[in-house]
PDB file of N, CA and C in Angstrom:
ATOM      1  N   MET A   1     129.182 137.464  82.655  1.00  0.00           N
ATOM      2  CA  MET A   1     127.703 137.244  83.624  1.00  0.00           C
ATOM      3  C   MET A   1     127.033 136.545  82.302  1.00  0.00           C
ATOM      4  N   ALA A   2     127.574 136.883  81.047  1.00  0.00           N
ATOM      5  CA  ALA A   2     126.583 136.246  79.883  1.00  0.00           C
ATOM      6  C   ALA A   2     126.798 134.600  79.544  1.00  0.00           C
ATOM      7  N   ASN A   3     128.000 134.136  80.246  1.00  0.00           N
ATOM      8  CA  ASN A   3     128.595 132.795  80.108  1.00  0.00           C
ATOM      9  C   ASN A   3     128.024 132.026  80.891  1.00  0.00           C
ATOM     10  N   GLN A   4     127.318 132.620  81.904  1.00  0.00           N
ATOM     11  CA  GLN A   4     126.492 131.636  82.801  1.00  0.00           C
ATOM     12  C   GLN A   4     125.400 130.687  82.432  1.00  0.00           C
ATOM     13  N   GLU A   5     125.444 129.532  82.452  1.00  0.00           N
ATOM     14  CA  GLU A   5     124.463 128.812  81.941  1.00  0.00           C
ATOM     15  C   GLU A   5     123.156 128.559  83.017  1.00  0.00           C
ATOM     16  N   GLN A   6     121.909 128.874  82.474  1.00  0.00           N
ATOM     17  CA  GLN A   6     120.741 129.252  83.515  1.00  0.00           C
ATOM     18  C   GLN A   6     120.266 127.650  83.268  1.00  0.00           C
ATOM     19  N   LYS A   7     119.785 127.056  84.516  1.00  0.00           N
ATOM     20  CA  LYS A   7     119.064 125.534  84.162  1.00  0.00           C
ATOM     21  C   LYS A   7     117.468 126.317  84.375  1.00  0.00           C
ATOM     22  N   HIS A   8     116.782 125.558  83.424  1.00  0.00           N
ATOM     23  CA  HIS A   8     115.334 125.921  83.242  1.00  0.00           C
ATOM     24  C   HIS A   8     114.544 125.161  83.886  1.00  0.00           C
ATOM     25  N   THR A   9     113.268 125.139  84.089  1.00  0.00           N
ATOM     26  CA  THR A   9     112.102 124.404  84.898  1.00  0.00           C
ATOM     27  C   THR A   9     111.941 123.105  83.974  1.00  0.00           C
ATOM     28  N   ASN A  10     112.259 121.989  84.276  1.00  0.00           N
ATOM     29  CA  ASN A  10     111.627 120.695  83.821  1.00  0.00           C
ATOM     30  C   ASN A  10     110.199 120.888  83.921  1.00  0.00           C
ATOM     31  N   LYS A  11     109.468 121.177  82.881  1.00  0.00           N
ATOM     32  CA  LYS A  11     108.001 121.341  82.590  1.00  0.00           C
ATOM     33  C   LYS A  11     107.409 119.967  82.919  1.00  0.00           C
ATOM     34  N   GLN A  12     107.912 118.790  82.214  1.00  0.00           N
ATOM     35  CA  GLN A  12     107.539 117.574  82.560  1.00  0.00           C
ATOM     36  C   GLN A  12     107.505 117.215  83.833  1.00  0.00           C
ATOM     37  N   LEU A  13     108.465 117.174  84.639  1.00  0.00           N
ATOM     38  CA  LEU A  13     108.712 116.808  86.221  1.00  0.00           C
ATOM     39  C   LEU A  13     107.421 117.998  86.731  1.00  0.00           C
ATOM     40  N   LEU A  14     107.677 119.044  86.475  1.00  0.00           N
ATOM     41  CA  LEU A  14     106.305 120.143  87.297  1.00  0.00           C
ATOM     42  C   LEU A  14     105.027 119.538  87.091  1.00  0.00           C
ATOM     43  N   ILE A  15     104.708 119.160  85.766  1.00  0.00           N
ATOM     44  CA  ILE A  15     103.264 118.857  85.645  1.00  0.00           C
ATOM     45  C   ILE A  15     103.164 117.748  86.292  1.00  0.00           C
ATOM     46  N   LYS A  16     103.915 116.849  86.270  1.00  0.00           N
ATOM     47  CA  LYS A  16     103.675 115.310  87.248  1.00  0.00           C
ATOM     48  C   LYS A  16     103.536 115.765  88.908  1.00  0.00           C
ATOM     49  N   GLY A  17     104.391 116.383  89.411  1.00  0.00           N
ATOM     50  CA  GLY A  17     104.375 117.043  90.484  1.00  0.00           C
ATOM     51  C   GLY A  17     102.891 117.587  90.669  1.00  0.00           C
ATOM     52  N   LEU A  18     102.494 118.292  90.110  1.00  0.00           N
ATOM     53  CA  LEU A  18     101.363 119.231  89.984  1.00  0.00           C
ATOM     54  C   LEU A  18     100.138 117.898  90.117  1.00  0.00           C
ATOM     55  N   LYS A  19     100.143 117.086  89.650  1.00  0.00           N
ATOM     56  CA  LYS A  19      99.304 116.258  89.199  1.00  0.00           C
ATOM     57  C   LYS A  19      99.088 115.322  90.609  1.00  0.00           C
ATOM     58  N   ARG A  20     100.202 115.081  91.016  1.00  0.00           N
ATOM     59  CA  ARG A  20     100.266 114.283  92.497  1.00  0.00           C
ATOM     60  C   ARG A  20      99.879 115.338  93.644  1.00  0.00           C
ATOM     61  N   LEU A  21      99.925 116.390  93.495  1.00  0.00           N
ATOM     62  CA  LEU A  21      99.396 117.219  94.342  1.00  0.00           C
ATOM     63  C   LEU A  21      97.773 117.200  94.279  1.00  0.00           C
ATOM     64  N   ALA A  22      97.293 117.362  93.250  1.00  0.00           N
ATOM     65  CA  ALA A  22      95.999 117.622  92.762  1.00  0.00           C
ATOM     66  C   ALA A  22      95.055 116.053  93.337  1.00  0.00           C
ATOM     67  N   LEU A  23      95.812 115.010  92.906  1.00  0.00           N
ATOM     68  CA  LEU A  23      95.361 113.683  93.423  1.00  0.00           C
ATOM     69  C   LEU A  23      95.435 113.707  94.686  1.00  0.00           C
ATOM     70  N   ALA A  24      96.608 114.211  95.302  1.00  0.00           N
ATOM     71  CA  ALA A  24      96.568 114.019  97.212  1.00  0.00           C
ATOM     72  C   ALA A  24      95.381 114.916  97.785  1.00  0.00           C
ATOM     73  N   LEU A  25      95.148 115.937  97.094  1.00  0.00           N
ATOM     74  CA  LEU A  25      93.814 116.903  97.849  1.00  0.00           C
ATOM     75  C   LEU A  25      92.422 116.153  98.044  1.00  0.00           C
ATOM     76  N   PRO A  26      92.025 115.362  97.042  1.00  0.00           N
ATOM     77  CA  PRO A  26      90.802 114.979  97.713  1.00  0.00           C
ATOM     78  C   PRO A  26      91.045 113.744  98.472  1.00  0.00           C
ATOM     79  N   LEU A  27      91.970 113.136  98.156  1.00  0.00           N
ATOM     80  CA  LEU A  27      92.406 111.761  99.331  1.00  0.00           C
ATOM     81  C   LEU A  27      92.514 112.264 100.619  1.00  0.00           C
ATOM     82  N   LEU A  28      93.098 113.542 100.673  1.00  0.00           N
ATOM     83  CA  LEU A  28      93.242 114.355 102.157  1.00  0.00           C
ATOM     84  C   LEU A  28      91.951 114.365 102.902  1.00  0.00           C
ATOM     85  N   VAL A  29      90.840 114.826 101.810  1.00  0.00           N
ATOM     86  CA  VAL A  29      89.736 114.971 102.434  1.00  0.00           C
ATOM     87  C   VAL A  29      89.134 113.874 102.876  1.00  0.00           C
ATOM     88  N   LEU A  30      89.172 112.849 101.702  1.00  0.00           N
ATOM     89  CA  LEU A  30      88.284 111.308 102.073  1.00  0.00           C
ATOM     90  C   LEU A  30      88.809 110.681 103.013  1.00  0.00           C
ATOM     91  N   THR A  31      89.815 110.531 103.164  1.00  0.00           N
ATOM     92  CA  THR A  31      90.661 109.976 104.158  1.00  0.00           C
ATOM     93  C   THR A  31      90.348 110.500 105.974  1.00  0.00           C
ATOM     94  N   THR A  32      90.006 111.957 105.916  1.00  0.00           N
ATOM     95  CA  THR A  32      90.131 112.547 107.279  1.00  0.00           C
ATOM     96  C   THR A  32      88.453 112.031 107.331  1.00  0.00           C
ATOM     97  N   TYR A  33      87.949 112.076 106.450  1.00  0.00           N
ATOM     98  CA  TYR A  33      86.282 112.127 106.739  1.00  0.00           C
ATOM     99  C   TYR A  33      86.261 110.516 106.974  1.00  0.00           C
ATOM    100  N   ALA A  34      87.076 109.466 106.643  1.00  0.00           N
ATOM    101  CA  ALA A  34      86.804 108.096 106.573  1.00  0.00           C
ATOM    102  C   ALA A  34      87.299 108.020 108.357  1.00  0.00           C
ATOM    103  N   PHE A  35      88.334 108.408 108.417  1.00  0.00           N
ATOM    104  CA  PHE A  35      88.755 108.365 110.073  1.00  0.00           C
ATOM    105  C   PHE A  35      88.029 108.760 110.925  1.00  0.00           C
ATOM    106  N   THR A  36      87.542 110.151 110.721  1.00  0.00           N
ATOM    107  CA  THR A  36      86.408 110.789 111.713  1.00  0.00           C
ATOM    108  C   THR A  36      85.453 109.765 111.937  1.00  0.00           C
ATOM    109  N   PHE A  37      84.839 109.290 110.599  1.00  0.00           N
ATOM    110  CA  PHE A  37      83.834 108.539 110.664  1.00  0.00           C
ATOM    111  C   PHE A  37      83.621 107.293 111.267  1.00  0.00           C
ATOM    112  N   THR A  38      84.819 106.864 111.602  1.00  0.00           N
ATOM    113  CA  THR A  38      85.201 105.287 112.392  1.00  0.00           C
ATOM    114  C   THR A  38      84.776 105.845 113.911  1.00  0.00           C
ATOM    115  N   PHE A  39      85.410 106.842 114.365  1.00  0.00           N
ATOM    116  CA  PHE A  39      85.182 107.425 115.837  1.00  0.00           C
ATOM    117  C   PHE A  39      84.208 107.842 115.950  1.00  0.00           C
ATOM    118  N   LEU A  40      83.253 108.305 115.013  1.00  0.00           N
ATOM    119  CA  LEU A  40      81.899 108.640 115.651  1.00  0.00           C
ATOM    120  C   LEU A  40      80.924 107.568 115.790  1.00  0.00           C
ATOM    121  N   ASN A  41      81.366 106.392 115.082  1.00  0.00           N
ATOM    122  CA  ASN A  41      80.476 105.570 115.158  1.00  0.00           C
ATOM    123  C   ASN A  41      81.429 104.043 115.555  1.00  0.00           C
ATOM    124  N   LYS A  42      81.676 104.090 117.001  1.00  0.00           N
ATOM    125  CA  LYS A  42      82.185 102.925 117.553  1.00  0.00           C
ATOM    126  C   LYS A  42      81.458 101.991 117.834  1.00  0.00           C
ATOM    127  N   GLU A  43      80.124 101.905 117.816  1.00  0.00           N
ATOM    128  CA  GLU A  43      79.456 100.843 118.128  1.00  0.00           C
ATOM    129  C   GLU A  43      79.021  99.885 117.120  1.00  0.00           C
ATOM    130  N   THR A  44      79.298 100.371 115.947  1.00  0.00           N
ATOM    131  CA  THR A  44      78.899  99.433 114.678  1.00  0.00           C
ATOM    132  C   THR A  44      80.469  98.751 114.178  1.00  0.00           C
ATOM    133  N   ILE A  45      79.640  97.718 113.371  1.00  0.00           N
ATOM    134  CA  ILE A  45      80.832  96.807 112.959  1.00  0.00           C
ATOM    135  C   ILE A  45      81.653  97.328 111.935  1.00  0.00           C
ATOM    136  N   PRO A  46      81.012  98.178 110.954  1.00  0.00           N
ATOM    137  CA  PRO A  46      81.525  98.378 109.823  1.00  0.00           C
ATOM    138  C   PRO A  46      82.888  99.335 110.444  1.00  0.00           C
ATOM    139  N   MET A  47      82.800  99.965 111.643  1.00  0.00           N
ATOM    140  CA  MET A  47      84.027 100.590 112.188  1.00  0.00           C
ATOM    141  C   MET A  47      85.492  99.840 111.955  1.00  0.00           C
ATOM    142  N   TYR A  48      85.357  98.689 112.043  1.00  0.00           N
ATOM    143  CA  TYR A  48      86.545  97.783 112.173  1.00  0.00           C
ATOM    144  C   TYR A  48      86.976  97.324 110.786  1.00  0.00           C
ATOM    145  N   TYR A  49      86.228  97.715 109.758  1.00  0.00           N
ATOM    146  CA  TYR A  49      86.385  97.861 108.506  1.00  0.00           C
ATOM    147  C   TYR A  49      87.183  98.819 107.568  1.00  0.00           C
ATOM    148  N   VAL A  50      86.744 100.042 108.362  1.00  0.00           N
ATOM    149  CA  VAL A  50      86.783 101.215 107.547  1.00  0.00           C
ATOM    150  C   VAL A  50      88.227 102.013 108.414  1.00  0.00           C
ATOM    151  N   LEU A  51      88.466 101.384 109.611  1.00  0.00           N
ATOM    152  CA  LEU A  51      89.612 102.142 110.433  1.00  0.00           C
ATOM    153  C   LEU A  51      90.960 102.017 109.630  1.00  0.00           C
ATOM    154  N   PRO A  52      91.110 100.549 109.327  1.00  0.00           N
ATOM    155  CA  PRO A  52      92.404  99.938 108.761  1.00  0.00           C
ATOM    156  C   PRO A  52      92.613 100.661 107.343  1.00  0.00           C
ATOM    157  N   LEU A  53      91.268 100.878 106.561  1.00  0.00           N
ATOM    158  CA  LEU A  53      91.591 101.485 105.123  1.00  0.00           C
ATOM    159  C   LEU A  53      91.638 103.004 105.450  1.00  0.00           C
ATOM    160  N   ALA A  54      91.253 103.617 106.180  1.00  0.00           N
ATOM    161  CA  ALA A  54      91.483 105.027 106.675  1.00  0.00           C
ATOM    162  C   ALA A  54      92.699 105.323 107.012  1.00  0.00           C
ATOM    163  N   ILE A  55      93.492 104.517 107.764  1.00  0.00           N
ATOM    164  CA  ILE A  55      95.191 104.562 108.240  1.00  0.00           C
ATOM    165  C   ILE A  55      95.927 104.226 107.068  1.00  0.00           C
ATOM    166  N   LEU A  56      95.535 103.413 106.120  1.00  0.00           N
ATOM    167  CA  LEU A  56      96.304 102.936 105.148  1.00  0.00           C
ATOM    168  C   LEU A  56      96.132 104.413 104.203  1.00  0.00           C
ATOM    169  N   GLY A  57      94.907 104.880 103.876  1.00  0.00           N
ATOM    170  CA  GLY A  57      94.490 106.100 103.069  1.00  0.00           C
ATOM    171  C   GLY A  57      95.168 107.147 103.434  1.00  0.00           C
ATOM    172  N   MET A  58      95.575 107.449 104.808  1.00  0.00           N
ATOM    173  CA  MET A  58      96.049 108.654 105.208  1.00  0.00           C
ATOM    174  C   MET A  58      97.698 108.508 104.835  1.00  0.00           C
ATOM    175  N   ALA A  59      98.179 107.172 105.061  1.00  0.00           N
ATOM    176  CA  ALA A  59      99.615 107.003 104.607  1.00  0.00           C
ATOM    177  C   ALA A  59      99.852 107.342 103.638  1.00  0.00           C
ATOM    178  N   GLY A  60      99.034 106.813 102.659  1.00  0.00           N
ATOM    179  CA  GLY A  60      99.161 106.988 101.164  1.00  0.00           C
ATOM    180  C   GLY A  60      98.908 108.177 100.587  1.00  0.00           C
ATOM    181  N   THR A  61      98.226 109.174 101.429  1.00  0.00           N
ATOM    182  CA  THR A  61      98.010 110.295 101.075  1.00  0.00           C
ATOM    183  C   THR A  61      99.349 111.469 101.491  1.00  0.00           C
ATOM    184  N   ILE A  62     100.069 111.024 102.554  1.00  0.00           N
ATOM    185  CA  ILE A  62     101.088 111.922 103.332  1.00  0.00           C
ATOM    186  C   ILE A  62     102.249 111.324 101.826  1.00  0.00           C
ATOM    187  N   TYR A  63     102.396 109.967 101.742  1.00  0.00           N
ATOM    188  CA  TYR A  63     103.290 109.899 100.689  1.00  0.00           C
ATOM    189  C   TYR A  63     102.994 110.703  99.468  1.00  0.00           C
ATOM    190  N   THR A  64     102.066 110.693  98.741  1.00  0.00           N
ATOM    191  CA  THR A  64     101.564 111.375  97.554  1.00  0.00           C
ATOM    192  C   THR A  64     101.833 112.629  97.705  1.00  0.00           C
ATOM    193  N   LEU A  65     101.737 113.316  98.997  1.00  0.00           N
ATOM    194  CA  LEU A  65     102.081 114.468  99.203  1.00  0.00           C
ATOM    195  C   LEU A  65     103.483 114.947  98.904  1.00  0.00           C
ATOM    196  N   PHE A  66     104.237 114.238  99.860  1.00  0.00           N
ATOM    197  CA  PHE A  66     105.646 114.451  99.902  1.00  0.00           C
ATOM    198  C   PHE A  66     105.928 114.020  98.264  1.00  0.00           C
ATOM    199  N   SER A  67     105.610 113.128  97.644  1.00  0.00           N
ATOM    200  CA  SER A  67     106.271 112.921  96.549  1.00  0.00           C
ATOM    201  C   SER A  67     106.134 114.002  95.543  1.00  0.00           C
ATOM    202  N   GLY A  68     104.853 114.715  95.741  1.00  0.00           N
ATOM    203  CA  GLY A  68     104.473 115.792  94.822  1.00  0.00           C
ATOM    204  C   GLY A  68     105.499 116.590  94.797  1.00  0.00           C
ATOM    205  N   ILE A  69     105.691 117.152  96.395  1.00  0.00           N
ATOM    206  CA  ILE A  69     106.516 118.446  96.514  1.00  0.00           C
ATOM    207  C   ILE A  69     107.991 118.066  96.165  1.00  0.00           C
ATOM    208  N   LYS A  70     108.478 116.887  96.353  1.00  0.00           N
ATOM    209  CA  LYS A  70     109.625 116.525  96.089  1.00  0.00           C
ATOM    210  C   LYS A  70     109.911 116.557  94.232  1.00  0.00           C
ATOM    211  N   LEU A  71     109.019 116.267  93.727  1.00  0.00           N
ATOM    212  CA  LEU A  71     109.187 116.383  92.074  1.00  0.00           C
ATOM    213  C   LEU A  71     109.115 117.621  91.752  1.00  0.00           C
ATOM    214  N   ILE A  72     108.126 118.412  92.333  1.00  0.00           N
ATOM    215  CA  ILE A  72     108.100 119.867  92.034  1.00  0.00           C
ATOM    216  C   ILE A  72     109.216 120.858  92.327  1.00  0.00           C
ATOM    217  N   LEU A  73     110.217 120.512  93.352  1.00  0.00           N
ATOM    218  CA  LEU A  73     111.565 120.831  93.977  1.00  0.00           C
ATOM    219  C   LEU A  73     112.432 120.414  92.787  1.00  0.00           C
ATOM    220  N   LYS A  74     112.696 119.367  92.437  1.00  0.00           N
ATOM    221  CA  LYS A  74     113.409 118.471  91.559  1.00  0.00           C
ATOM    222  C   LYS A  74     113.275 119.616  90.092  1.00  0.00           C
ATOM    223  N   SER A  75     112.134 119.417  89.954  1.00  0.00           N
ATOM    224  CA  SER A  75     112.128 120.147  88.604  1.00  0.00           C
ATOM    225  C   SER A  75     112.529 121.760  88.529  1.00  0.00           C
ATOM    226  N   ILE A  76     112.451 122.553  89.687  1.00  0.00           N
ATOM    227  CA  ILE A  76     112.675 123.774  89.761  1.00  0.00           C
ATOM    228  C   ILE A  76     114.023 123.832  89.792  1.00  0.00           C
ATOM    229  N   PHE A  77     114.653 123.159  90.784  1.00  0.00           N
ATOM    230  CA  PHE A  77     116.057 123.334  91.149  1.00  0.00           C
ATOM    231  C   PHE A  77     116.868 122.315  90.534  1.00  0.00           C
TER     232      PHE A  77
END
């Protein structure tokens, strides 16, 4: 048992993944708010400008969340 080589956590990757998750949390709140805002104001013109931005923001948020989780898992295992 003493000869088994243990892999240790890569701290740089762990910190990078946690930073991505920390970035994704405010993005998640803001894009959800923007998406809800567009459907509450259907009669106004800015809805047509904010809706595509909200959809792109949500896609970016989902990508950021999954890449952060992937980096954390990569650093641990």
